[in-house]
Amino acid sequence: MEVNHRGSVEFAQKCKEAGVSRFVYASSCSIYGASGAEVRSERSSSDPKTAYARCKVLVERDLTAMIDSRFAPVFLRNATAFGASPRQRFDLVLNNLAGFAFTTRKIRVMSDGTPCRPLVHVEDICQAILCALEAPREAVCGEAFNVGDESQNYTVREIADIVSDTFPGCDVTYGQGGPDNRSYRVSFEKIKAHMPSFKCQWNAERGALQLKSVFERIQLDEAAFKAPPFTRLLELRRLQETKQLDPHLLWTPIREPVATFNA
């Protein structure tokens, strides 16, 4: 809460004070929680299931209260990201399943595969941010937009099938359930209406092929796939264990070594 909620709001306040007129906040479709097969729009009520999602709801609320003639926040409720990027993440469903498939020849789905999860490629998220910055103020000020495309409202089983087709020969198994109970389908009509230049260029099949190409090129192995920098919680734990982050997830100051001299 201190970092994701209050820190985000304080950053927005400083931006406003510095004269920033258009503030794009990366929110999340995870605020819709466990709505199952019901299609959620930006007018739907939120049902956050995690501290992360609750923070997104609170930041949207607090930034809306900051709107005036000089400050226009925009909220992009991104679907679950996927795809290759310079700052790679493997704790996202398609990326995670693809990484396991390539390095272990196994696809392990923790749930029974029925939860619904919309996806969006990281490059399409970048395009949505550009569109939000360039759109007329009256089209986006104080508005929330689901970012993605209706064709990418997948079930987890469908995502696993795509990964299995891309990485043939893998052993695919399903569980009874996992700690993540999110399940939601999302409408993306609003972003098309308010930002007509936005259009997703990627789908899950193309994204899985992109990941496979990158994995082959860099010769990804299981140790690298499971390394902390690519999984958010593992990296936070590593930074705390090495005293780079304090218990409040704030960076610790770097202390200069003190030189000593023998007489």
Protein backbone atom coordinates (compact mmCIF):
# COMPACT_ATOMS: atom_id res chain seq x y z
CA MET A 1 0.00 0.00 0.00
CA GLU A 2 2.82 2.40 0.83
CA VAL A 3 4.51 1.91 -2.54
CA ASN A 4 1.78 0.91 -5.01
CA HIS A 5 -0.98 3.14 -3.67
CA ARG A 6 0.44 6.10 -1.74
CA GLY A 7 3.68 6.17 -3.71
CA SER A 8 1.82 6.28 -7.03
CA VAL A 9 -0.45 9.07 -5.85
CA GLU A 10 2.46 11.11 -4.49
CA PHE A 11 4.29 10.68 -7.81
CA ALA A 12 1.23 11.93 -9.69
CA GLN A 13 0.99 14.93 -7.36
CA LYS A 14 4.63 15.82 -8.03
CA CYS A 15 4.03 15.50 -11.76
CA LYS A 16 1.06 17.83 -11.52
CA GLU A 17 3.11 20.35 -9.54
CA ALA A 18 5.84 20.15 -12.20
CA GLY A 19 3.33 21.07 -14.93
CA VAL A 20 2.63 17.63 -16.43
CA SER A 21 -0.73 17.91 -18.19
CA ARG A 22 -1.37 14.31 -19.31
CA PHE A 23 -0.69 11.51 -16.81
CA VAL A 24 -1.14 7.92 -18.02
CA TYR A 25 -1.53 5.40 -15.19
CA ALA A 26 -0.96 1.69 -15.85
CA SER A 27 -3.90 0.11 -14.10
CA SER A 28 -5.04 -3.49 -14.60
CA CYS A 29 -7.99 -5.66 -15.62
CA SER A 30 -7.23 -7.66 -12.47
CA ILE A 31 -9.48 -5.20 -10.61
CA TYR A 32 -12.45 -7.18 -12.01
CA GLY A 33 -11.53 -10.15 -9.82
CA ALA A 34 -13.45 -13.40 -10.22
CA SER A 35 -16.36 -12.53 -12.49
CA GLY A 36 -16.09 -15.76 -14.51
CA ALA A 37 -17.65 -15.74 -17.98
CA GLU A 38 -19.41 -12.39 -17.43
CA VAL A 39 -18.00 -9.74 -19.76
CA ARG A 40 -16.74 -6.73 -17.80
CA SER A 41 -16.65 -3.20 -19.15
CA GLU A 42 -15.22 -0.05 -17.62
CA ARG A 43 -18.68 0.60 -16.12
CA SER A 44 -18.65 -2.72 -14.25
CA SER A 45 -18.02 -2.78 -10.53
CA SER A 46 -14.53 -3.74 -9.38
CA ASP A 47 -13.89 -6.85 -7.28
CA PRO A 48 -10.16 -6.81 -6.48
CA LYS A 49 -8.83 -10.06 -4.99
CA THR A 50 -5.26 -8.99 -4.21
CA ALA A 51 -3.46 -6.06 -2.58
CA TYR A 52 -2.05 -5.25 -6.03
CA ALA A 53 -5.53 -4.91 -7.55
CA ARG A 54 -6.87 -2.96 -4.55
CA CYS A 55 -4.05 -0.46 -4.99
CA LYS A 56 -5.01 0.00 -8.64
CA VAL A 57 -8.59 0.83 -7.64
CA LEU A 58 -7.44 3.31 -4.99
CA VAL A 59 -4.99 5.08 -7.31
CA GLU A 60 -7.68 5.50 -9.97
CA ARG A 61 -9.97 7.00 -7.30
CA ASP A 62 -7.38 9.40 -5.90
CA LEU A 63 -6.08 10.59 -9.28
CA THR A 64 -9.64 11.26 -10.46
CA ALA A 65 -9.99 13.69 -7.55
CA MET A 66 -6.92 15.59 -8.85
CA ILE A 67 -8.46 16.49 -12.22
CA ASP A 68 -8.56 20.16 -13.11
CA SER A 69 -8.08 22.29 -16.21
CA ARG A 70 -4.32 21.67 -16.15
CA PHE A 71 -4.13 17.97 -15.19
CA ALA A 72 -5.73 15.09 -17.08
CA PRO A 73 -5.09 11.54 -15.82
CA VAL A 74 -5.89 8.52 -18.01
CA PHE A 75 -6.25 4.97 -16.66
CA LEU A 76 -5.21 2.04 -18.83
CA ARG A 77 -6.57 -1.22 -17.43
CA ASN A 78 -4.19 -3.57 -19.17
CA ALA A 79 -5.07 -7.20 -19.77
CA THR A 80 -2.43 -9.75 -18.69
CA ALA A 81 0.76 -8.91 -20.56
CA PHE A 82 2.79 -11.35 -22.65
CA GLY A 83 5.66 -11.33 -25.12
CA ALA A 84 9.38 -10.74 -25.29
CA SER A 85 10.78 -7.47 -23.95
CA PRO A 86 14.12 -5.98 -22.86
CA ARG A 87 12.99 -6.30 -19.24
CA GLN A 88 11.66 -9.85 -19.54
CA ARG A 89 9.10 -11.32 -17.11
CA PHE A 90 8.31 -14.99 -16.65
CA ASP A 91 5.64 -14.61 -13.94
CA LEU A 92 2.91 -13.93 -16.52
CA VAL A 93 0.78 -16.83 -17.67
CA LEU A 94 1.73 -17.20 -21.36
CA ASN A 95 5.40 -16.31 -20.77
CA ASN A 96 5.53 -18.68 -17.81
CA LEU A 97 4.03 -21.65 -19.63
CA ALA A 98 6.25 -21.02 -22.67
CA GLY A 99 9.37 -20.83 -20.51
CA PHE A 100 8.56 -24.10 -18.77
CA ALA A 101 7.76 -25.75 -22.09
CA PHE A 102 11.07 -24.74 -23.65
CA THR A 103 13.31 -25.51 -20.67
CA THR A 104 11.61 -28.59 -19.18
CA ARG A 105 9.36 -29.96 -21.96
CA LYS A 106 6.50 -29.75 -19.46
CA ILE A 107 3.45 -27.50 -19.29
CA ARG A 108 2.06 -27.40 -15.77
CA VAL A 109 -1.26 -25.60 -15.30
CA MET A 110 -2.07 -25.08 -11.62
CA SER A 111 -5.83 -24.76 -12.19
CA ASP A 112 -8.23 -26.94 -14.17
CA GLY A 113 -7.80 -24.51 -17.07
CA THR A 114 -11.28 -23.00 -16.93
CA PRO A 115 -10.43 -19.50 -15.55
CA CYS A 116 -10.79 -16.74 -18.15
CA ARG A 117 -7.86 -14.43 -18.74
CA PRO A 118 -7.60 -11.69 -21.41
CA LEU A 119 -4.09 -11.17 -22.82
CA VAL A 120 -2.31 -8.24 -24.47
CA HIS A 121 1.21 -8.03 -25.89
CA VAL A 122 3.63 -5.63 -24.21
CA GLU A 123 4.14 -3.77 -27.51
CA ASP A 124 0.39 -3.23 -27.81
CA ILE A 125 0.39 -1.81 -24.28
CA CYS A 126 3.10 0.62 -25.40
CA GLN A 127 0.94 1.60 -28.38
CA ALA A 128 -2.04 2.22 -26.08
CA ILE A 129 0.10 4.53 -23.93
CA LEU A 130 1.10 6.56 -27.00
CA CYS A 131 -2.54 6.79 -28.10
CA ALA A 132 -3.57 7.97 -24.63
CA LEU A 133 -0.91 10.69 -24.73
CA GLU A 134 -1.90 11.88 -28.21
CA ALA A 135 -5.70 11.66 -27.93
CA PRO A 136 -7.78 14.83 -27.47
CA ARG A 137 -8.20 15.71 -23.80
CA GLU A 138 -11.99 15.44 -23.95
CA ALA A 139 -11.71 11.83 -25.19
CA VAL A 140 -9.58 10.52 -22.34
CA CYS A 141 -9.47 12.85 -19.32
CA GLY A 142 -10.42 10.90 -16.21
CA GLU A 143 -11.43 7.88 -18.29
CA ALA A 144 -10.51 4.24 -17.74
CA PHE A 145 -9.86 1.97 -20.71
CA ASN A 146 -9.53 -1.80 -20.88
CA VAL A 147 -6.49 -2.47 -23.07
CA GLY A 148 -6.62 -5.49 -25.34
CA ASP A 149 -8.94 -7.07 -27.89
CA GLU A 150 -12.07 -9.24 -27.65
CA SER A 151 -10.37 -11.98 -29.69
CA GLN A 152 -7.84 -12.41 -26.89
CA ASN A 153 -10.31 -13.31 -24.14
CA TYR A 154 -8.82 -16.74 -23.56
CA THR A 155 -9.31 -19.47 -20.98
CA VAL A 156 -6.13 -20.69 -19.32
CA ARG A 157 -6.66 -24.04 -21.09
CA GLU A 158 -6.72 -22.26 -24.46
CA ILE A 159 -3.46 -20.50 -23.57
CA ALA A 160 -1.90 -23.83 -22.60
CA ASP A 161 -3.07 -25.35 -25.91
CA ILE A 162 -1.42 -22.51 -27.84
CA VAL A 163 1.84 -23.06 -25.95
CA SER A 164 1.59 -26.81 -26.54
CA ASP A 165 1.14 -26.28 -30.29
CA THR A 166 4.12 -23.92 -30.37
CA PHE A 167 6.35 -26.22 -28.33
CA PRO A 168 5.27 -29.70 -29.51
CA GLY A 169 6.09 -32.81 -27.54
CA CYS A 170 5.51 -31.31 -24.09
CA ASP A 171 3.73 -33.13 -21.29
CA VAL A 172 0.63 -31.10 -20.35
CA THR A 173 -1.03 -31.51 -16.96
CA TYR A 174 -3.76 -29.66 -15.05
CA GLY A 175 -4.39 -29.20 -11.34
CA GLN A 176 -7.50 -28.78 -9.23
CA GLY A 177 -6.90 -25.15 -8.38
CA GLY A 178 -4.28 -22.66 -7.31
CA PRO A 179 -3.84 -19.54 -5.19
CA ASP A 180 -4.89 -17.28 -8.09
CA ASN A 181 -8.69 -17.31 -8.38
CA ARG A 182 -9.02 -14.46 -10.88
CA SER A 183 -11.31 -15.13 -13.83
CA TYR A 184 -12.79 -12.47 -16.08
CA ARG A 185 -13.73 -11.66 -19.67
CA VAL A 186 -13.39 -8.07 -20.73
CA SER A 187 -14.94 -5.74 -23.31
CA PHE A 188 -12.56 -3.52 -25.27
CA GLU A 189 -15.16 -1.47 -27.12
CA LYS A 190 -14.49 1.75 -25.24
CA ILE A 191 -10.81 2.09 -26.21
CA LYS A 192 -11.77 1.59 -29.87
CA ALA A 193 -14.39 4.33 -29.64
CA HIS A 194 -12.26 6.90 -27.80
CA MET A 195 -8.88 6.06 -29.37
CA PRO A 196 -9.68 4.75 -32.88
CA SER A 197 -6.01 4.63 -33.84
CA PHE A 198 -5.38 1.88 -31.27
CA LYS A 199 -5.42 -1.66 -32.62
CA CYS A 200 -3.73 -4.75 -31.21
CA GLN A 201 -1.07 -6.12 -33.56
CA TRP A 202 -0.35 -9.31 -31.62
CA ASN A 203 -2.26 -12.43 -30.60
CA ALA A 204 -1.19 -15.27 -28.32
CA GLU A 205 -0.11 -17.54 -31.18
CA ARG A 206 2.23 -14.94 -32.61
CA GLY A 207 3.51 -14.06 -29.15
CA ALA A 208 4.32 -17.70 -28.36
CA LEU A 209 6.26 -17.98 -31.62
CA GLN A 210 8.16 -14.79 -30.75
CA LEU A 211 9.12 -16.22 -27.36
CA LYS A 212 10.24 -19.50 -28.94
CA SER A 213 12.47 -17.62 -31.38
CA VAL A 214 14.05 -15.60 -28.57
CA PHE A 215 14.55 -18.69 -26.38
CA GLU A 216 16.30 -20.50 -29.21
CA ARG A 217 18.52 -17.52 -30.00
CA ILE A 218 19.68 -16.97 -26.41
CA GLN A 219 19.70 -20.72 -25.60
CA LEU A 220 17.48 -20.23 -22.56
CA ASP A 221 18.03 -22.88 -19.89
CA GLU A 222 16.04 -23.75 -16.77
CA ALA A 223 18.42 -21.92 -14.42
CA ALA A 224 18.10 -18.66 -16.35
CA PHE A 225 14.34 -19.10 -16.70
CA LYS A 226 13.95 -19.45 -12.93
CA ALA A 227 16.46 -16.69 -12.06
CA PRO A 228 15.12 -13.94 -9.74
CA PRO A 229 15.35 -10.97 -12.14
CA PHE A 230 12.59 -12.44 -14.31
CA THR A 231 10.06 -13.18 -11.54
CA ARG A 232 8.93 -10.17 -9.53
CA LEU A 233 8.52 -11.79 -6.10
CA LEU A 234 11.82 -13.69 -6.34
CA GLU A 235 13.64 -10.50 -7.28
CA LEU A 236 12.07 -8.53 -4.42
CA ARG A 237 13.11 -11.28 -2.01
CA ARG A 238 16.67 -11.25 -3.41
CA LEU A 239 16.91 -7.47 -3.08
CA GLN A 240 15.78 -7.66 0.54
CA GLU A 241 18.17 -10.51 1.36
CA THR A 242 21.07 -8.51 -0.09
CA LYS A 243 19.98 -5.41 1.89
CA GLN A 244 19.24 -3.40 -1.25
CA LEU A 245 15.60 -2.98 -0.20
CA ASP A 246 14.40 -2.34 3.34
CA PRO A 247 11.33 -4.05 4.87
CA HIS A 248 9.14 -1.30 3.36
CA LEU A 249 10.44 -2.10 -0.18
CA LEU A 250 12.34 1.19 -0.33
CA TRP A 251 15.88 1.36 -1.69
CA THR A 252 18.55 1.49 1.00
CA PRO A 253 21.20 4.21 0.72
CA ILE A 254 24.59 3.30 -0.70
CA ARG A 255 27.26 4.00 1.87
CA GLU A 256 30.69 4.98 0.65
CA PRO A 257 33.50 2.82 2.06
CA VAL A 258 35.63 4.52 4.71
CA ALA A 259 39.33 4.45 3.92
CA THR A 260 41.69 3.55 6.77
CA PHE A 261 45.43 4.12 6.89
CA ASN A 262 48.03 2.45 9.05
CA ALA A 263 50.52 4.79 10.71
